[in-house]
Amino acid sequence: MRVAVLTFDGFNELDSFVALALLNRVPGWRADICGPGQSVTSMNGVRVDVQQPLEFASQADVVLIGSGVRTREVVSDAKLMTRIVLDPARQIIGAQCSGALIPAKLGLIGDLPVCTDVTSKPWVIETGVRVIDAPFVAHGPVATAGGCMAAHYLSAWAIAVGAGEAAARNVIDYVAPVGEKAETVARVMSVVAPFLAQAAKEKVAIRY
């Protein structure tokens, strides 16, 4: 399974790096930072070399879109947006915080509710999308998460849909704080589990 972690200048390190680290722990999976140029610089000045171009997103099995302080600039750049081609019929797609603006702009949200962070909420609402007060929500193969610390929910969901609940539990157990592993796994899986049942009912998981 190939994973594209879409990352742009001004990105939030927690979104991109948590997803990259967790999904690369799944046996047989390879997650790469994908961006519009040769490198991207975070909101705190951390510069990272891009491993794959944006166009790689169209080939990936899983696409997770991170947030950042310049996401509104990204979605307003028509030329840049044409480089992002996603297909929920064959991909697992997730977006974090302001990253929800990208699938909304691409028409992947429609009238479905999404999650985002408090700062990004008014921007997402401006696109005509309904925002709910929750850390995570999924509709078939498309999910959104709100708040930096919700990144592990998005990652666990993507792993569970693509590789099964056991794989997701194993990854979360590995990274969970010592002495809090069982309760951390239980909490994370309790958040994403209702949406896994929905994915199974719609036979989304069969595609992967």
C-alpha atoms as a PDB file:
ATOM      1  CA  MET A   1       0.000   0.000   0.000  1.00  0.00           C
ATOM      2  CA  ARG A   2       1.329   3.419  -0.965  1.00  0.00           C
ATOM      3  CA  VAL A   3       0.397   6.453   1.098  1.00  0.00           C
ATOM      4  CA  ALA A   4       0.584  10.106   0.070  1.00  0.00           C
ATOM      5  CA  VAL A   5       0.762  12.615   2.927  1.00  0.00           C
ATOM      6  CA  LEU A   6      -0.061  15.902   1.197  1.00  0.00           C
ATOM      7  CA  THR A   7       2.008  18.666   2.746  1.00  0.00           C
ATOM      8  CA  PHE A   8       2.295  22.336   1.795  1.00  0.00           C
ATOM      9  CA  ASP A   9       4.289  25.353   2.925  1.00  0.00           C
ATOM     10  CA  GLY A  10       3.127  26.518   6.339  1.00  0.00           C
ATOM     11  CA  PHE A  11       2.176  22.961   7.284  1.00  0.00           C
ATOM     12  CA  ASN A  12       1.434  21.820  10.811  1.00  0.00           C
ATOM     13  CA  GLU A  13       4.159  19.365  11.817  1.00  0.00           C
ATOM     14  CA  LEU A  14       1.826  17.264  13.969  1.00  0.00           C
ATOM     15  CA  ASP A  15      -0.515  16.521  11.087  1.00  0.00           C
ATOM     16  CA  SER A  16       2.048  15.413   8.521  1.00  0.00           C
ATOM     17  CA  PHE A  17       4.598  13.782  10.814  1.00  0.00           C
ATOM     18  CA  VAL A  18       2.133  11.820  12.980  1.00  0.00           C
ATOM     19  CA  ALA A  19       0.484  10.390   9.868  1.00  0.00           C
ATOM     20  CA  LEU A  20       3.847   9.623   8.269  1.00  0.00           C
ATOM     21  CA  ALA A  21       5.186   7.885  11.381  1.00  0.00           C
ATOM     22  CA  LEU A  22       2.090   5.827  12.164  1.00  0.00           C
ATOM     23  CA  LEU A  23       1.288   4.632   8.663  1.00  0.00           C
ATOM     24  CA  ASN A  24       4.905   3.663   8.015  1.00  0.00           C
ATOM     25  CA  ARG A  25       4.599   1.234  10.932  1.00  0.00           C
ATOM     26  CA  VAL A  26       2.106  -0.907   9.029  1.00  0.00           C
ATOM     27  CA  PRO A  27       3.894  -3.907   7.440  1.00  0.00           C
ATOM     28  CA  GLY A  28       3.907  -3.559   3.665  1.00  0.00           C
ATOM     29  CA  TRP A  29       2.908   0.121   3.704  1.00  0.00           C
ATOM     30  CA  ARG A  30       5.049   3.042   2.545  1.00  0.00           C
ATOM     31  CA  ALA A  31       4.040   6.617   3.390  1.00  0.00           C
ATOM     32  CA  ASP A  32       5.731   9.579   1.699  1.00  0.00           C
ATOM     33  CA  ILE A  33       5.579  13.336   2.129  1.00  0.00           C
ATOM     34  CA  CYS A  34       4.098  14.772  -1.081  1.00  0.00           C
ATOM     35  CA  GLY A  35       4.307  18.439  -1.970  1.00  0.00           C
ATOM     36  CA  PRO A  36       4.216  20.953  -4.802  1.00  0.00           C
ATOM     37  CA  GLY A  37       7.981  21.558  -4.966  1.00  0.00           C
ATOM     38  CA  GLN A  38      11.285  20.095  -3.875  1.00  0.00           C
ATOM     39  CA  SER A  39      10.769  21.023  -0.229  1.00  0.00           C
ATOM     40  CA  VAL A  40       8.169  22.446   2.144  1.00  0.00           C
ATOM     41  CA  THR A  41       8.646  24.622   5.212  1.00  0.00           C
ATOM     42  CA  SER A  42       6.409  24.234   8.255  1.00  0.00           C
ATOM     43  CA  MET A  43       4.612  26.946  10.208  1.00  0.00           C
ATOM     44  CA  ASN A  44       7.512  26.797  12.678  1.00  0.00           C
ATOM     45  CA  GLY A  45      10.283  26.951  10.093  1.00  0.00           C
ATOM     46  CA  VAL A  46      11.064  23.232   9.770  1.00  0.00           C
ATOM     47  CA  ARG A  47      12.159  22.513   6.205  1.00  0.00           C
ATOM     48  CA  VAL A  48      11.509  19.041   4.802  1.00  0.00           C
ATOM     49  CA  ASP A  49      12.461  17.528   1.459  1.00  0.00           C
ATOM     50  CA  VAL A  50       9.461  16.301  -0.508  1.00  0.00           C
ATOM     51  CA  GLN A  51       9.615  12.571  -1.275  1.00  0.00           C
ATOM     52  CA  GLN A  52       6.944  12.529  -3.981  1.00  0.00           C
ATOM     53  CA  PRO A  53       5.280  15.205  -6.149  1.00  0.00           C
ATOM     54  CA  LEU A  54       1.626  16.124  -5.712  1.00  0.00           C
ATOM     55  CA  GLU A  55       0.772  14.064  -8.762  1.00  0.00           C
ATOM     56  CA  PHE A  56       1.669  10.924  -6.824  1.00  0.00           C
ATOM     57  CA  ALA A  57      -1.584  11.355  -4.885  1.00  0.00           C
ATOM     58  CA  SER A  58      -3.536  10.047  -7.876  1.00  0.00           C
ATOM     59  CA  GLN A  59      -1.577   6.779  -7.715  1.00  0.00           C
ATOM     60  CA  ALA A  60      -1.633   6.278  -3.942  1.00  0.00           C
ATOM     61  CA  ASP A  61      -3.932   3.840  -2.146  1.00  0.00           C
ATOM     62  CA  VAL A  62      -4.246   6.178   0.836  1.00  0.00           C
ATOM     63  CA  VAL A  63      -4.131   9.986   0.761  1.00  0.00           C
ATOM     64  CA  LEU A  64      -3.982  12.003   3.974  1.00  0.00           C
ATOM     65  CA  ILE A  65      -4.063  15.788   3.722  1.00  0.00           C
ATOM     66  CA  GLY A  66      -2.400  17.787   6.463  1.00  0.00           C
ATOM     67  CA  SER A  67      -3.309  21.299   7.541  1.00  0.00           C
ATOM     68  CA  GLY A  68      -1.323  24.501   7.710  1.00  0.00           C
ATOM     69  CA  VAL A  69      -1.464  28.261   7.947  1.00  0.00           C
ATOM     70  CA  ARG A  70      -1.513  28.631   4.154  1.00  0.00           C
ATOM     71  CA  THR A  71      -4.196  26.129   3.174  1.00  0.00           C
ATOM     72  CA  ARG A  72      -6.525  28.873   1.989  1.00  0.00           C
ATOM     73  CA  GLU A  73      -3.802  29.983  -0.418  1.00  0.00           C
ATOM     74  CA  VAL A  74      -3.510  26.413  -1.672  1.00  0.00           C
ATOM     75  CA  VAL A  75      -7.205  26.028  -2.490  1.00  0.00           C
ATOM     76  CA  SER A  76      -7.297  29.461  -4.156  1.00  0.00           C
ATOM     77  CA  ASP A  77      -4.474  28.471  -6.499  1.00  0.00           C
ATOM     78  CA  ALA A  78      -6.336  26.905  -9.436  1.00  0.00           C
ATOM     79  CA  LYS A  79      -3.174  25.695 -11.148  1.00  0.00           C
ATOM     80  CA  LEU A  80      -1.964  23.992  -7.985  1.00  0.00           C
ATOM     81  CA  MET A  81      -5.323  22.359  -7.317  1.00  0.00           C
ATOM     82  CA  THR A  82      -5.404  20.788 -10.797  1.00  0.00           C
ATOM     83  CA  ARG A  83      -2.344  18.768  -9.735  1.00  0.00           C
ATOM     84  CA  ILE A  84      -4.354  17.031  -6.996  1.00  0.00           C
ATOM     85  CA  VAL A  85      -6.484  14.244  -8.461  1.00  0.00           C
ATOM     86  CA  LEU A  86      -8.299  12.003  -5.971  1.00  0.00           C
ATOM     87  CA  ASP A  87     -10.808   9.192  -6.442  1.00  0.00           C
ATOM     88  CA  PRO A  88     -12.836   7.958  -3.430  1.00  0.00           C
ATOM     89  CA  ALA A  89     -13.977   4.977  -5.509  1.00  0.00           C
ATOM     90  CA  ARG A  90     -10.497   3.450  -5.149  1.00  0.00           C
ATOM     91  CA  GLN A  91      -8.702   5.469  -2.460  1.00  0.00           C
ATOM     92  CA  ILE A  92      -8.853   5.993   1.283  1.00  0.00           C
ATOM     93  CA  ILE A  93      -8.888   9.780   1.730  1.00  0.00           C
ATOM     94  CA  GLY A  94      -8.505  11.748   4.957  1.00  0.00           C
ATOM     95  CA  ALA A  95      -7.993  15.405   5.824  1.00  0.00           C
ATOM     96  CA  GLN A  96      -6.840  17.107   9.005  1.00  0.00           C
ATOM     97  CA  CYS A  97      -8.103  20.487  10.266  1.00  0.00           C
ATOM     98  CA  SER A  98      -7.765  23.129   7.502  1.00  0.00           C
ATOM     99  CA  GLY A  99      -6.861  20.285   5.158  1.00  0.00           C
ATOM    100  CA  ALA A 100     -10.628  19.696   4.918  1.00  0.00           C
ATOM    101  CA  LEU A 101     -10.713  22.689   2.573  1.00  0.00           C
ATOM    102  CA  ILE A 102      -8.991  20.608  -0.116  1.00  0.00           C
ATOM    103  CA  PRO A 103     -11.483  17.716  -0.454  1.00  0.00           C
ATOM    104  CA  ALA A 104     -14.277  20.303  -0.130  1.00  0.00           C
ATOM    105  CA  LYS A 105     -12.811  22.279  -3.021  1.00  0.00           C
ATOM    106  CA  LEU A 106     -12.415  19.070  -5.033  1.00  0.00           C
ATOM    107  CA  GLY A 107     -16.093  18.239  -4.545  1.00  0.00           C
ATOM    108  CA  LEU A 108     -15.488  15.177  -2.374  1.00  0.00           C
ATOM    109  CA  ILE A 109     -17.538  16.402   0.607  1.00  0.00           C
ATOM    110  CA  GLY A 110     -20.811  17.598  -0.872  1.00  0.00           C
ATOM    111  CA  ASP A 111     -23.425  18.150   1.843  1.00  0.00           C
ATOM    112  CA  LEU A 112     -21.764  15.762   4.299  1.00  0.00           C
ATOM    113  CA  PRO A 113     -20.549  17.144   7.657  1.00  0.00           C
ATOM    114  CA  VAL A 114     -16.835  17.457   8.383  1.00  0.00           C
ATOM    115  CA  CYS A 115     -14.528  17.994  11.336  1.00  0.00           C
ATOM    116  CA  THR A 116     -11.922  20.739  11.468  1.00  0.00           C
ATOM    117  CA  ASP A 117     -10.119  22.894  14.021  1.00  0.00           C
ATOM    118  CA  VAL A 118     -11.573  25.988  15.660  1.00  0.00           C
ATOM    119  CA  THR A 119      -9.455  28.431  13.631  1.00  0.00           C
ATOM    120  CA  SER A 120     -10.297  26.820  10.296  1.00  0.00           C
ATOM    121  CA  LYS A 121     -14.000  26.355  11.039  1.00  0.00           C
ATOM    122  CA  PRO A 122     -15.222  29.653   9.520  1.00  0.00           C
ATOM    123  CA  TRP A 123     -13.113  29.105   6.384  1.00  0.00           C
ATOM    124  CA  VAL A 124     -14.540  25.631   5.888  1.00  0.00           C
ATOM    125  CA  ILE A 125     -18.085  26.886   6.465  1.00  0.00           C
ATOM    126  CA  GLU A 126     -17.495  29.505   3.761  1.00  0.00           C
ATOM    127  CA  THR A 127     -17.139  26.662   1.248  1.00  0.00           C
ATOM    128  CA  GLY A 128     -20.699  25.607   2.034  1.00  0.00           C
ATOM    129  CA  VAL A 129     -19.689  22.599   4.123  1.00  0.00           C
ATOM    130  CA  ARG A 130     -21.325  21.840   7.475  1.00  0.00           C
ATOM    131  CA  VAL A 131     -18.869  21.517  10.373  1.00  0.00           C
ATOM    132  CA  ILE A 132     -19.659  19.395  13.421  1.00  0.00           C
ATOM    133  CA  ASP A 133     -18.176  19.664  16.912  1.00  0.00           C
ATOM    134  CA  ALA A 134     -16.325  16.346  16.972  1.00  0.00           C
ATOM    135  CA  PRO A 135     -12.727  15.126  16.633  1.00  0.00           C
ATOM    136  CA  PHE A 136     -13.393  12.693  13.794  1.00  0.00           C
ATOM    137  CA  VAL A 137     -15.999  11.730  11.234  1.00  0.00           C
ATOM    138  CA  ALA A 138     -15.954   9.478   8.167  1.00  0.00           C
ATOM    139  CA  HIS A 139     -18.325   8.907   5.283  1.00  0.00           C
ATOM    140  CA  GLY A 140     -17.339   5.726   3.493  1.00  0.00           C
ATOM    141  CA  PRO A 141     -13.758   6.207   2.236  1.00  0.00           C
ATOM    142  CA  VAL A 142     -13.521   9.934   3.087  1.00  0.00           C
ATOM    143  CA  ALA A 143     -12.744  11.164   6.608  1.00  0.00           C
ATOM    144  CA  THR A 144     -11.884  14.401   8.381  1.00  0.00           C
ATOM    145  CA  ALA A 145     -10.383  15.119  11.794  1.00  0.00           C
ATOM    146  CA  GLY A 146     -10.390  18.276  13.879  1.00  0.00           C
ATOM    147  CA  GLY A 147      -7.621  19.399  16.228  1.00  0.00           C
ATOM    148  CA  CYS A 148      -3.916  18.614  16.020  1.00  0.00           C
ATOM    149  CA  MET A 149      -4.115  15.817  18.570  1.00  0.00           C
ATOM    150  CA  ALA A 150      -6.812  14.100  16.491  1.00  0.00           C
ATOM    151  CA  ALA A 151      -4.157  13.061  13.969  1.00  0.00           C
ATOM    152  CA  HIS A 152      -3.920   9.595  15.503  1.00  0.00           C
ATOM    153  CA  TYR A 153      -7.657   9.080  14.993  1.00  0.00           C
ATOM    154  CA  LEU A 154      -7.325   9.818  11.289  1.00  0.00           C
ATOM    155  CA  SER A 155      -4.297   7.549  10.989  1.00  0.00           C
ATOM    156  CA  ALA A 156      -5.892   4.706  12.961  1.00  0.00           C
ATOM    157  CA  TRP A 157      -9.000   4.895  10.790  1.00  0.00           C
ATOM    158  CA  ALA A 158      -6.976   4.785   7.569  1.00  0.00           C
ATOM    159  CA  ILE A 159      -4.994   1.796   8.825  1.00  0.00           C
ATOM    160  CA  ALA A 160      -8.116  -0.040  10.001  1.00  0.00           C
ATOM    161  CA  VAL A 161      -9.917   0.473   6.683  1.00  0.00           C
ATOM    162  CA  GLY A 162      -6.877  -0.488   4.629  1.00  0.00           C
ATOM    163  CA  ALA A 163      -5.282  -3.214   6.746  1.00  0.00           C
ATOM    164  CA  GLY A 164      -7.844  -4.183   9.366  1.00  0.00           C
ATOM    165  CA  GLU A 165      -8.623  -3.267  12.965  1.00  0.00           C
ATOM    166  CA  ALA A 166      -5.898  -5.533  14.342  1.00  0.00           C
ATOM    167  CA  ALA A 167      -3.247  -3.618  12.404  1.00  0.00           C
ATOM    168  CA  ALA A 168      -4.584  -0.310  13.697  1.00  0.00           C
ATOM    169  CA  ARG A 169      -4.611  -1.578  17.275  1.00  0.00           C
ATOM    170  CA  ASN A 170      -1.031  -2.828  16.939  1.00  0.00           C
ATOM    171  CA  VAL A 171       0.250   0.509  15.671  1.00  0.00           C
ATOM    172  CA  ILE A 172      -1.541   2.560  18.330  1.00  0.00           C
ATOM    173  CA  ASP A 173      -0.396   0.141  21.036  1.00  0.00           C
ATOM    174  CA  TYR A 174       3.209   0.544  19.892  1.00  0.00           C
ATOM    175  CA  VAL A 175       3.206   4.346  20.112  1.00  0.00           C
ATOM    176  CA  ALA A 176       0.944   4.714  23.161  1.00  0.00           C
ATOM    177  CA  PRO A 177       2.495   5.895  26.454  1.00  0.00           C
ATOM    178  CA  VAL A 178       3.854   3.128  28.665  1.00  0.00           C
ATOM    179  CA  GLY A 179       1.352   2.315  31.370  1.00  0.00           C
ATOM    180  CA  GLU A 180      -1.491   3.710  29.274  1.00  0.00           C
ATOM    181  CA  LYS A 181      -1.399   1.420  26.265  1.00  0.00           C
ATOM    182  CA  ALA A 182      -4.621  -0.499  26.826  1.00  0.00           C
ATOM    183  CA  GLU A 183      -6.677   2.592  27.602  1.00  0.00           C
ATOM    184  CA  THR A 184      -5.155   4.547  24.680  1.00  0.00           C
ATOM    185  CA  VAL A 185      -5.947   1.789  22.188  1.00  0.00           C
ATOM    186  CA  ALA A 186      -9.465   1.466  23.579  1.00  0.00           C
ATOM    187  CA  ARG A 187     -10.092   5.220  23.375  1.00  0.00           C
ATOM    188  CA  VAL A 188      -8.753   5.624  19.836  1.00  0.00           C
ATOM    189  CA  MET A 189     -10.610   2.615  18.504  1.00  0.00           C
ATOM    190  CA  SER A 190     -13.844   3.668  20.216  1.00  0.00           C
ATOM    191  CA  VAL A 191     -13.729   6.926  18.230  1.00  0.00           C
ATOM    192  CA  VAL A 192     -13.137   5.317  14.823  1.00  0.00           C
ATOM    193  CA  ALA A 193     -15.015   2.023  15.273  1.00  0.00           C
ATOM    194  CA  PRO A 194     -18.504   3.332  14.383  1.00  0.00           C
ATOM    195  CA  PHE A 195     -17.186   4.506  11.032  1.00  0.00           C
ATOM    196  CA  LEU A 196     -15.446   1.213  10.329  1.00  0.00           C
ATOM    197  CA  ALA A 197     -18.791  -0.525  10.612  1.00  0.00           C
ATOM    198  CA  GLN A 198     -20.186   1.947   8.104  1.00  0.00           C
ATOM    199  CA  ALA A 199     -17.289   1.294   5.727  1.00  0.00           C
ATOM    200  CA  ALA A 200     -17.847  -2.461   5.986  1.00  0.00           C
ATOM    201  CA  LYS A 201     -21.582  -2.054   5.355  1.00  0.00           C
ATOM    202  CA  GLU A 202     -20.879  -0.040   2.221  1.00  0.00           C
ATOM    203  CA  LYS A 203     -18.219  -2.577   1.240  1.00  0.00           C
ATOM    204  CA  VAL A 204     -15.631   0.191   1.038  1.00  0.00           C
ATOM    205  CA  ALA A 205     -12.936  -1.930   2.672  1.00  0.00           C
ATOM    206  CA  ILE A 206     -13.238  -4.597  -0.036  1.00  0.00           C
ATOM    207  CA  ARG A 207     -11.604  -2.234  -2.502  1.00  0.00           C
ATOM    208  CA  TYR A 208      -8.298  -2.181  -0.666  1.00  0.00           C
END
